[in-house]
N, C-alpha and C. Protein backbone atom coordinates (compact mmCIF):
# COMPACT_ATOMS: atom_id res chain seq x y z
N UNK A 1 -0.78 21.69 -2.92
CA UNK A 1 0.21 21.08 -3.78
C UNK A 1 -0.50 20.46 -4.99
N UNK A 2 -0.07 20.81 -6.15
CA UNK A 2 -0.61 20.22 -7.37
C UNK A 2 0.45 19.31 -7.98
N UNK A 3 -0.02 18.24 -8.60
CA UNK A 3 0.89 17.33 -9.29
C UNK A 3 0.47 17.25 -10.74
N UNK A 4 1.45 17.22 -11.63
CA UNK A 4 1.16 17.16 -13.06
C UNK A 4 1.75 15.88 -13.63
N UNK A 5 0.96 15.17 -14.43
CA UNK A 5 1.44 13.97 -15.10
C UNK A 5 2.51 14.38 -16.11
N UNK A 6 3.67 13.76 -16.00
CA UNK A 6 4.76 14.14 -16.90
C UNK A 6 4.57 13.59 -18.31
N UNK A 7 3.58 12.71 -18.50
CA UNK A 7 3.34 12.13 -19.81
C UNK A 7 2.22 12.81 -20.59
N UNK A 8 1.15 13.22 -19.89
CA UNK A 8 0.02 13.83 -20.61
C UNK A 8 -0.32 15.24 -20.13
N UNK A 9 0.27 15.68 -19.02
CA UNK A 9 0.03 17.03 -18.53
C UNK A 9 -1.19 17.19 -17.65
N UNK A 10 -1.90 16.11 -17.35
CA UNK A 10 -3.09 16.20 -16.49
C UNK A 10 -2.67 16.72 -15.11
N UNK A 11 -3.47 17.65 -14.57
CA UNK A 11 -3.18 18.26 -13.27
C UNK A 11 -4.01 17.56 -12.20
N UNK A 12 -3.37 17.21 -11.09
CA UNK A 12 -4.04 16.61 -9.94
C UNK A 12 -4.00 17.62 -8.81
N UNK A 13 -5.17 18.13 -8.45
CA UNK A 13 -5.30 19.16 -7.43
C UNK A 13 -5.13 18.52 -6.05
N UNK A 14 -4.57 19.28 -5.14
CA UNK A 14 -4.31 18.80 -3.78
C UNK A 14 -5.59 18.31 -3.13
N UNK A 15 -5.53 17.14 -2.54
CA UNK A 15 -6.67 16.56 -1.85
C UNK A 15 -6.21 15.37 -1.04
N UNK A 16 -7.16 14.68 -0.47
CA UNK A 16 -6.86 13.58 0.43
C UNK A 16 -6.08 12.45 -0.25
N UNK A 17 -6.45 12.11 -1.47
CA UNK A 17 -5.82 10.99 -2.16
C UNK A 17 -5.09 11.41 -3.44
N UNK A 18 -4.55 12.60 -3.45
CA UNK A 18 -3.89 13.12 -4.65
C UNK A 18 -2.78 12.21 -5.13
N UNK A 19 -1.91 11.79 -4.22
CA UNK A 19 -0.77 10.98 -4.61
C UNK A 19 -1.22 9.62 -5.13
N UNK A 20 -2.22 9.04 -4.50
CA UNK A 20 -2.74 7.74 -4.96
C UNK A 20 -3.32 7.87 -6.36
N UNK A 21 -4.11 8.90 -6.59
CA UNK A 21 -4.70 9.11 -7.92
C UNK A 21 -3.61 9.36 -8.95
N UNK A 22 -2.60 10.13 -8.59
CA UNK A 22 -1.49 10.43 -9.50
C UNK A 22 -0.73 9.16 -9.86
N UNK A 23 -0.39 8.36 -8.85
CA UNK A 23 0.36 7.13 -9.10
C UNK A 23 -0.46 6.14 -9.92
N UNK A 24 -1.74 6.01 -9.61
CA UNK A 24 -2.61 5.11 -10.36
C UNK A 24 -2.72 5.56 -11.81
N UNK A 25 -2.87 6.86 -12.02
CA UNK A 25 -2.97 7.42 -13.37
C UNK A 25 -1.72 7.10 -14.17
N UNK A 26 -0.56 7.24 -13.57
CA UNK A 26 0.69 7.02 -14.29
C UNK A 26 0.99 5.54 -14.50
N UNK A 27 0.60 4.70 -13.57
CA UNK A 27 0.99 3.30 -13.65
C UNK A 27 0.25 2.51 -14.72
N UNK A 28 -0.96 2.89 -15.02
CA UNK A 28 -1.75 2.09 -15.95
C UNK A 28 -1.39 2.36 -17.42
N UNK A 29 -1.65 3.52 -17.96
CA UNK A 29 -1.42 3.69 -19.40
C UNK A 29 0.03 4.01 -19.77
N UNK A 30 0.85 4.43 -18.83
CA UNK A 30 2.18 4.92 -19.19
C UNK A 30 3.31 4.00 -18.74
N UNK A 31 2.99 2.82 -18.26
CA UNK A 31 4.04 1.95 -17.73
C UNK A 31 5.09 1.62 -18.79
N UNK A 32 4.68 1.43 -20.04
CA UNK A 32 5.64 1.12 -21.10
C UNK A 32 6.57 2.29 -21.40
N UNK A 33 6.13 3.50 -21.09
CA UNK A 33 6.94 4.69 -21.35
C UNK A 33 7.89 5.02 -20.20
N UNK A 34 7.69 4.39 -19.03
CA UNK A 34 8.49 4.70 -17.85
C UNK A 34 9.91 4.17 -17.98
N UNK A 35 10.86 4.89 -17.40
CA UNK A 35 12.22 4.34 -17.32
C UNK A 35 12.22 3.09 -16.44
N UNK A 36 13.25 2.28 -16.57
CA UNK A 36 13.34 1.02 -15.83
C UNK A 36 13.21 1.24 -14.33
N UNK A 37 13.86 2.27 -13.80
CA UNK A 37 13.80 2.53 -12.36
C UNK A 37 12.38 2.79 -11.89
N UNK A 38 11.63 3.54 -12.67
CA UNK A 38 10.24 3.83 -12.29
C UNK A 38 9.37 2.59 -12.36
N UNK A 39 9.63 1.71 -13.34
CA UNK A 39 8.87 0.46 -13.43
C UNK A 39 9.12 -0.40 -12.20
N UNK A 40 10.39 -0.47 -11.78
CA UNK A 40 10.73 -1.25 -10.59
C UNK A 40 10.02 -0.67 -9.38
N UNK A 41 10.07 0.66 -9.24
CA UNK A 41 9.40 1.32 -8.12
C UNK A 41 7.90 1.07 -8.15
N UNK A 42 7.31 1.13 -9.32
CA UNK A 42 5.86 0.92 -9.46
C UNK A 42 5.49 -0.50 -9.04
N UNK A 43 6.27 -1.49 -9.49
CA UNK A 43 6.01 -2.88 -9.11
C UNK A 43 6.16 -3.07 -7.60
N UNK A 44 7.18 -2.44 -7.02
CA UNK A 44 7.41 -2.53 -5.58
C UNK A 44 6.26 -1.89 -4.81
N UNK A 45 5.81 -0.72 -5.28
CA UNK A 45 4.70 -0.02 -4.63
C UNK A 45 3.44 -0.87 -4.64
N UNK A 46 3.15 -1.51 -5.79
CA UNK A 46 1.96 -2.36 -5.88
C UNK A 46 2.07 -3.55 -4.93
N UNK A 47 3.28 -4.13 -4.83
CA UNK A 47 3.49 -5.26 -3.93
C UNK A 47 3.28 -4.83 -2.48
N UNK A 48 3.78 -3.66 -2.12
CA UNK A 48 3.62 -3.16 -0.75
C UNK A 48 2.15 -2.91 -0.42
N UNK A 49 1.41 -2.35 -1.36
CA UNK A 49 -0.02 -2.10 -1.15
C UNK A 49 -0.76 -3.42 -0.96
N UNK A 50 -0.42 -4.42 -1.79
CA UNK A 50 -1.06 -5.73 -1.68
C UNK A 50 -0.75 -6.36 -0.32
N UNK A 51 0.50 -6.28 0.12
CA UNK A 51 0.87 -6.84 1.42
C UNK A 51 0.16 -6.13 2.56
N UNK A 52 0.02 -4.82 2.45
CA UNK A 52 -0.68 -4.06 3.50
C UNK A 52 -2.14 -4.48 3.57
N UNK A 53 -2.78 -4.64 2.40
CA UNK A 53 -4.18 -5.06 2.38
C UNK A 53 -4.34 -6.45 2.97
N UNK A 54 -3.41 -7.37 2.64
CA UNK A 54 -3.46 -8.72 3.20
C UNK A 54 -3.28 -8.68 4.71
N UNK A 55 -2.36 -7.83 5.18
CA UNK A 55 -2.13 -7.70 6.62
C UNK A 55 -3.38 -7.17 7.32
N UNK A 56 -4.01 -6.16 6.73
CA UNK A 56 -5.22 -5.58 7.33
C UNK A 56 -6.33 -6.64 7.41
N UNK A 57 -6.48 -7.45 6.35
CA UNK A 57 -7.49 -8.51 6.37
C UNK A 57 -7.18 -9.55 7.45
N UNK A 58 -5.91 -9.93 7.56
CA UNK A 58 -5.55 -10.93 8.57
C UNK A 58 -5.71 -10.36 9.97
N UNK A 59 -5.44 -9.06 10.13
CA UNK A 59 -5.61 -8.41 11.42
C UNK A 59 -7.08 -8.39 11.83
N UNK A 60 -7.97 -8.16 10.86
CA UNK A 60 -9.41 -8.18 11.15
C UNK A 60 -9.86 -9.60 11.52
N UNK A 61 -9.29 -10.59 10.82
CA UNK A 61 -9.69 -11.97 11.02
C UNK A 61 -9.11 -12.55 12.32
N UNK A 62 -7.82 -12.32 12.56
CA UNK A 62 -7.13 -12.95 13.69
C UNK A 62 -6.91 -12.02 14.87
N UNK A 63 -7.05 -10.73 14.65
CA UNK A 63 -6.77 -9.76 15.69
C UNK A 63 -5.35 -9.24 15.59
N UNK A 64 -5.05 -8.25 16.38
CA UNK A 64 -3.72 -7.64 16.39
C UNK A 64 -2.71 -8.68 16.86
N UNK A 65 -1.60 -8.82 16.16
CA UNK A 65 -0.62 -9.87 16.45
C UNK A 65 -0.08 -9.79 17.87
N UNK A 66 0.18 -8.61 18.40
CA UNK A 66 0.68 -8.48 19.77
C UNK A 66 -0.35 -8.97 20.77
N UNK A 67 -1.60 -8.65 20.56
CA UNK A 67 -2.65 -9.08 21.47
C UNK A 67 -2.83 -10.59 21.42
N UNK A 68 -2.78 -11.17 20.23
CA UNK A 68 -2.92 -12.62 20.08
C UNK A 68 -1.75 -13.31 20.75
N UNK A 69 -0.53 -12.85 20.49
CA UNK A 69 0.67 -13.45 21.10
C UNK A 69 0.62 -13.34 22.61
N UNK A 70 0.28 -12.18 23.13
CA UNK A 70 0.22 -11.99 24.58
C UNK A 70 -0.83 -12.89 25.23
N UNK A 71 -1.96 -13.06 24.58
CA UNK A 71 -3.01 -13.93 25.12
C UNK A 71 -2.54 -15.38 25.14
N UNK A 72 -1.86 -15.83 24.08
CA UNK A 72 -1.36 -17.20 24.03
C UNK A 72 -0.30 -17.41 25.10
N UNK A 73 0.58 -16.44 25.26
CA UNK A 73 1.63 -16.54 26.28
C UNK A 73 1.03 -16.58 27.68
N UNK A 74 0.03 -15.73 27.93
CA UNK A 74 -0.64 -15.69 29.23
C UNK A 74 -1.31 -17.03 29.52
N UNK A 75 -1.97 -17.58 28.51
CA UNK A 75 -2.67 -18.87 28.69
C UNK A 75 -1.67 -20.00 28.92
N UNK A 76 -0.50 -19.94 28.28
CA UNK A 76 0.51 -20.98 28.47
C UNK A 76 1.14 -20.90 29.86
N UNK A 77 1.29 -19.70 30.39
CA UNK A 77 1.90 -19.52 31.72
C UNK A 77 0.91 -19.76 32.85
N UNK A 78 -0.36 -19.62 32.57
CA UNK A 78 -1.40 -19.76 33.61
C UNK A 78 -2.44 -20.77 33.16
N UNK A 79 -2.07 -22.07 33.15
CA UNK A 79 -3.08 -23.05 32.70
C UNK A 79 -4.26 -23.08 33.68
N UNK A 80 -5.41 -23.34 33.15
CA UNK A 80 -6.64 -23.35 33.96
C UNK A 80 -6.74 -24.54 34.85
């Protein structure tokens, strides 16, 4: 699958991160040219990526939320 920038015609060849490269390419220099709907989508996409990165960092720091919750519940039900 190839993707073409609708603003400059640059071709993005199919690969592991094609969509990411395509979206990044379009979001930086062409944001002012985008229709309002695309700007909203772009802002939403960036917010989702930021939240995912924050979640991954917190997961590394605190552990998986289900495991942490289950351990706390187990400790509360079985005091030493």
